[in-house]
Amino acid sequence: MTDIHLGLKQALPDAMRAKDTNRLNVIRGLLTSFTNELVATGSTPQNTLDDILCGKVILRTIKQRQDAIEQFEKANRQDLADEDKIQLEILQEFAPEMASINEVKKIADSLKLSMGIEDKTKMGMLIGAVKKELGDRGDGALIKKVVEDLFI
């Protein structure tokens, strides 16, 4: 079993004993998402996801929570937004480590030089190269912002 998947399965009874409903809901939701991902990839639900796929599922869930918080705040439903913010904090505990802004800048600078990119017309190529270099550790919005800042 993978580290992330195993960690969540072990955290489930701890959350039950602590009667921490927010943590319990997050863990159950993630384990369900892992099972759904296994079924979608053609595996059986009894199998386990590797850490890379677990990380992708967790990051997708984080983005969904962030979108939900934004929608709740637009609809003046602060009670629901607050609940999702608490659950978002818990989700971020399980998220894989992301690349820092300094690391993204360093990689973007070196790739810009090595690819010989001089102007904004090839910015998309540079963004793609940085995303490929960082893999799952790179946040697309952060990469885009850093690359755009290189051309200012």
Protein backbone atom coordinates (compact mmCIF):
# COMPACT_ATOMS: atom_id res chain seq x y z
CA MET A 1 0.00 0.00 0.00
CA THR A 2 1.27 3.47 -0.74
CA ASP A 3 2.32 5.92 1.93
CA ILE A 4 -0.47 8.45 1.31
CA HIS A 5 -3.17 5.82 0.96
CA LEU A 6 -1.90 3.94 4.02
CA GLY A 7 -1.63 7.16 6.01
CA LEU A 8 -5.24 8.05 5.29
CA LYS A 9 -6.47 4.58 6.18
CA GLN A 10 -4.62 4.83 9.49
CA ALA A 11 -5.88 8.37 10.13
CA LEU A 12 -9.52 7.31 9.73
CA PRO A 13 -9.89 5.49 13.09
CA ASP A 14 -7.93 8.26 14.83
CA ALA A 15 -10.40 10.84 13.53
CA MET A 16 -13.29 8.63 14.65
CA ARG A 17 -11.86 8.30 18.15
CA ALA A 18 -11.23 12.05 18.36
CA LYS A 19 -14.78 12.71 17.10
CA ASP A 20 -13.31 15.23 14.66
CA THR A 21 -16.13 15.31 12.11
CA ASN A 22 -14.41 17.67 9.68
CA ARG A 23 -11.26 15.53 9.52
CA LEU A 24 -13.38 12.39 9.31
CA ASN A 25 -15.40 13.79 6.39
CA VAL A 26 -12.24 14.84 4.54
CA ILE A 27 -10.57 11.45 5.01
CA ARG A 28 -13.68 9.54 3.97
CA GLY A 29 -14.06 11.78 0.94
CA LEU A 30 -10.45 11.24 -0.11
CA LEU A 31 -10.67 7.47 0.34
CA THR A 32 -13.84 7.49 -1.78
CA SER A 33 -12.09 9.59 -4.43
CA PHE A 34 -9.19 7.11 -4.42
CA THR A 35 -11.63 4.24 -4.96
CA ASN A 36 -13.36 6.13 -7.78
CA GLU A 37 -9.97 6.79 -9.41
CA LEU A 38 -9.09 3.10 -9.16
CA VAL A 39 -12.35 2.13 -10.85
CA ALA A 40 -11.84 4.81 -13.54
CA THR A 41 -8.36 3.46 -14.32
CA GLY A 42 -9.67 -0.09 -14.65
CA SER A 43 -8.42 -1.43 -11.33
CA THR A 44 -10.47 -3.05 -8.64
CA PRO A 45 -11.41 -1.02 -5.56
CA GLN A 46 -9.36 -3.41 -3.40
CA ASN A 47 -6.13 -2.22 -5.03
CA THR A 48 -4.34 0.91 -3.87
CA LEU A 49 -3.29 4.04 -5.72
CA ASP A 50 0.35 4.96 -5.94
CA ASP A 51 1.51 8.20 -4.35
CA ILE A 52 1.56 10.10 -7.65
CA LEU A 53 -2.10 9.37 -8.39
CA CYS A 54 -3.03 10.00 -4.75
CA GLY A 55 -1.37 13.40 -5.00
CA LYS A 56 -3.29 14.21 -8.18
CA VAL A 57 -6.59 13.25 -6.55
CA ILE A 58 -5.81 15.34 -3.46
CA LEU A 59 -4.82 18.37 -5.56
CA ARG A 60 -7.99 18.03 -7.64
CA THR A 61 -10.05 17.90 -4.42
CA ILE A 62 -8.26 21.00 -3.10
CA LYS A 63 -9.10 22.91 -6.28
CA GLN A 64 -12.73 21.81 -5.98
CA ARG A 65 -12.86 23.09 -2.39
CA GLN A 66 -11.32 26.41 -3.40
CA ASP A 67 -13.91 26.80 -6.16
CA ALA A 68 -16.70 25.89 -3.75
CA ILE A 69 -15.48 28.46 -1.20
CA GLU A 70 -15.45 31.12 -3.90
CA GLN A 71 -18.99 30.22 -4.98
CA PHE A 72 -20.28 30.17 -1.41
CA GLU A 73 -18.81 33.60 -0.75
CA LYS A 74 -20.39 34.99 -3.93
CA ALA A 75 -23.74 33.61 -2.78
CA ASN A 76 -23.29 35.13 0.72
CA ARG A 77 -23.23 31.69 2.35
CA GLN A 78 -20.41 32.38 4.78
CA ASP A 79 -21.41 29.44 6.98
CA LEU A 80 -20.75 26.97 4.17
CA ALA A 81 -17.61 28.83 3.09
CA ASP A 82 -16.22 28.64 6.64
CA GLU A 83 -16.90 24.91 6.83
CA ASP A 84 -15.14 24.32 3.51
CA LYS A 85 -12.18 26.48 4.62
CA ILE A 86 -11.71 24.23 7.64
CA GLN A 87 -11.84 21.15 5.44
CA LEU A 88 -9.47 22.77 2.93
CA GLU A 89 -6.87 23.24 5.69
CA ILE A 90 -7.18 19.55 6.56
CA LEU A 91 -6.84 18.58 2.89
CA GLN A 92 -3.66 20.61 2.58
CA GLU A 93 -2.08 18.50 5.33
CA PHE A 94 -2.29 15.50 3.00
CA ALA A 95 -1.31 17.33 -0.21
CA PRO A 96 2.04 16.57 -1.80
CA GLU A 97 4.73 19.20 -1.39
CA MET A 98 4.52 21.83 -4.13
CA ALA A 99 7.40 23.68 -5.72
CA SER A 100 8.17 27.05 -4.14
CA ILE A 101 7.99 30.28 -6.11
CA ASN A 102 11.79 30.55 -5.98
CA GLU A 103 12.21 27.07 -7.39
CA VAL A 104 9.74 27.85 -10.20
CA LYS A 105 11.60 31.10 -10.99
CA LYS A 106 14.94 29.29 -11.09
CA ILE A 107 13.65 26.59 -13.45
CA ALA A 108 11.82 29.11 -15.66
CA ASP A 109 14.96 31.28 -15.95
CA SER A 110 17.20 28.36 -16.87
CA LEU A 111 14.70 26.99 -19.40
CA LYS A 112 14.22 30.43 -20.95
CA LEU A 113 17.97 30.69 -21.51
CA SER A 114 18.42 27.12 -22.73
CA MET A 115 15.46 27.38 -25.13
CA GLY A 116 16.62 30.79 -26.38
CA ILE A 117 13.25 32.43 -25.80
CA GLU A 118 13.45 36.19 -26.22
CA ASP A 119 9.86 37.45 -26.46
CA LYS A 120 6.29 36.73 -25.37
CA THR A 121 5.36 34.86 -28.55
CA LYS A 122 6.95 31.65 -27.20
CA MET A 123 5.63 32.08 -23.67
CA GLY A 124 3.29 29.08 -24.04
CA MET A 125 6.21 26.83 -24.93
CA LEU A 126 8.09 28.00 -21.84
CA ILE A 127 5.08 27.44 -19.58
CA GLY A 128 4.72 23.92 -20.98
CA ALA A 129 8.41 23.19 -20.47
CA VAL A 130 8.31 24.41 -16.86
CA LYS A 131 5.19 22.29 -16.18
CA LYS A 132 6.91 19.26 -17.68
CA GLU A 133 10.04 19.88 -15.60
CA LEU A 134 8.12 20.24 -12.33
CA GLY A 135 5.54 17.53 -13.02
CA ASP A 136 2.88 17.29 -10.33
CA ARG A 137 4.82 19.57 -8.00
CA GLY A 138 4.03 22.67 -10.07
CA ASP A 139 0.91 24.77 -9.66
CA GLY A 140 -0.24 25.91 -13.11
CA ALA A 141 -1.35 29.37 -11.98
CA LEU A 142 1.95 30.01 -10.20
CA ILE A 143 3.96 28.83 -13.20
CA LYS A 144 1.97 31.09 -15.52
CA LYS A 145 2.47 34.11 -13.26
CA VAL A 146 6.23 33.51 -12.90
CA VAL A 147 6.71 33.06 -16.65
CA GLU A 148 4.67 36.19 -17.41
CA ASP A 149 6.82 38.13 -14.93
CA LEU A 150 9.93 37.06 -16.84
CA PHE A 151 8.73 39.00 -19.88
CA ILE A 152 7.90 42.25 -18.09
